[in-house]
Amino acid sequence: MKATIRKMGNSQGVLIPKPILAQLGLEDEVEMEVENDALVIRRPRNKPRHGWAEASKAIAEAGDDTLVLGDFPNAGDEDLKW
């Protein structure tokens, strides 16, 4: 399939037909990069720390969030005022 590069504001772009977007499962955001002289557009990968909040909540709810090394003070901690 050929497509025309069009002016879009101060940039240029290519319109991707809706059926192609649907087929690939692309919605609001994509990742783009150049690989071997080709423009590659793909679904975004999971963001760093994706799912961490839910996982830590599940750990806390299971009561498995105790300190591994236990609580150990530093020298001079007793002089600190909180």
Protein backbone atom coordinates (compact mmCIF):
# COMPACT_ATOMS: atom_id res chain seq x y z
CA MET A 1 0.00 0.00 0.00
CA LYS A 2 1.30 3.44 -0.86
CA ALA A 3 0.40 6.54 1.12
CA THR A 4 1.02 10.22 0.56
CA ILE A 5 3.10 12.26 2.99
CA ARG A 6 1.00 15.30 3.89
CA LYS A 7 1.69 18.59 5.60
CA MET A 8 0.24 18.62 9.12
CA GLY A 9 0.86 21.93 10.85
CA ASN A 10 4.62 22.43 11.05
CA SER A 11 5.21 18.71 10.50
CA GLN A 12 4.44 16.10 7.92
CA GLY A 13 2.55 12.87 8.38
CA VAL A 14 0.92 9.85 6.85
CA LEU A 15 -2.71 8.96 7.47
CA ILE A 16 -3.15 5.37 8.60
CA PRO A 17 -6.49 3.86 7.58
CA LYS A 18 -8.80 2.96 10.47
CA PRO A 19 -9.03 -0.76 9.53
CA ILE A 20 -5.24 -1.08 9.75
CA LEU A 21 -5.21 0.60 13.17
CA ALA A 22 -7.95 -1.77 14.34
CA GLN A 23 -6.16 -4.82 12.93
CA LEU A 24 -2.98 -3.92 14.82
CA GLY A 25 -4.78 -2.86 18.00
CA LEU A 26 -3.32 0.66 17.87
CA GLU A 27 -5.36 3.26 19.70
CA ASP A 28 -4.12 6.47 21.32
CA GLU A 29 -0.35 6.06 21.40
CA VAL A 30 2.37 4.30 19.41
CA GLU A 31 6.13 3.82 19.55
CA MET A 32 8.10 4.78 16.44
CA GLU A 33 11.69 4.06 15.52
CA VAL A 34 13.86 3.63 12.47
CA GLU A 35 15.15 0.08 11.87
CA ASN A 36 17.26 -0.77 8.83
CA ASP A 37 16.04 2.15 6.74
CA ALA A 38 12.38 1.55 7.65
CA LEU A 39 9.95 3.40 9.92
CA VAL A 40 8.53 0.94 12.45
CA ILE A 41 5.32 1.79 14.31
CA ARG A 42 4.26 -0.53 17.13
CA ARG A 43 2.06 -0.73 20.21
CA PRO A 44 3.67 0.92 23.22
CA ARG A 45 5.52 -1.43 25.52
CA ASN A 46 4.63 -1.44 29.19
CA LYS A 47 5.92 1.59 30.98
CA PRO A 48 8.66 1.13 33.57
CA ARG A 49 7.20 0.04 36.89
CA HIS A 50 3.89 -0.85 35.20
CA GLY A 51 1.79 -2.76 37.72
CA TRP A 52 4.04 -2.03 40.70
CA ALA A 53 1.35 -0.13 42.62
CA GLU A 54 -1.13 -3.00 42.32
CA ALA A 55 1.50 -5.59 43.21
CA SER A 56 2.65 -3.71 46.31
CA LYS A 57 -0.96 -3.25 47.43
CA ALA A 58 -1.56 -7.01 47.07
CA ILE A 59 1.60 -7.73 49.10
CA ALA A 60 0.49 -5.36 51.86
CA GLU A 61 -3.02 -6.86 51.92
CA ALA A 62 -1.49 -10.33 52.25
CA GLY A 63 0.57 -9.10 55.24
CA ASP A 64 3.79 -10.00 53.48
CA ASP A 65 5.35 -6.54 53.62
CA THR A 66 7.61 -6.88 56.64
CA LEU A 67 11.21 -5.71 56.48
CA VAL A 68 13.58 -8.45 55.34
CA LEU A 69 16.47 -7.25 57.50
CA GLY A 70 14.35 -5.94 60.33
CA ASP A 71 14.64 -2.45 61.77
CA PHE A 72 18.14 -1.40 62.67
CA PRO A 73 19.07 2.08 63.91
CA ASN A 74 21.95 4.26 62.87
CA ALA A 75 24.36 5.78 65.36
CA GLY A 76 22.92 9.05 66.59
CA ASP A 77 19.30 8.29 65.65
CA GLU A 78 18.19 8.87 69.23
CA ASP A 79 19.18 12.56 68.91
CA LEU A 80 16.86 13.15 65.94
CA LYS A 81 13.54 14.91 66.52
CA TRP A 82 10.65 13.92 64.28
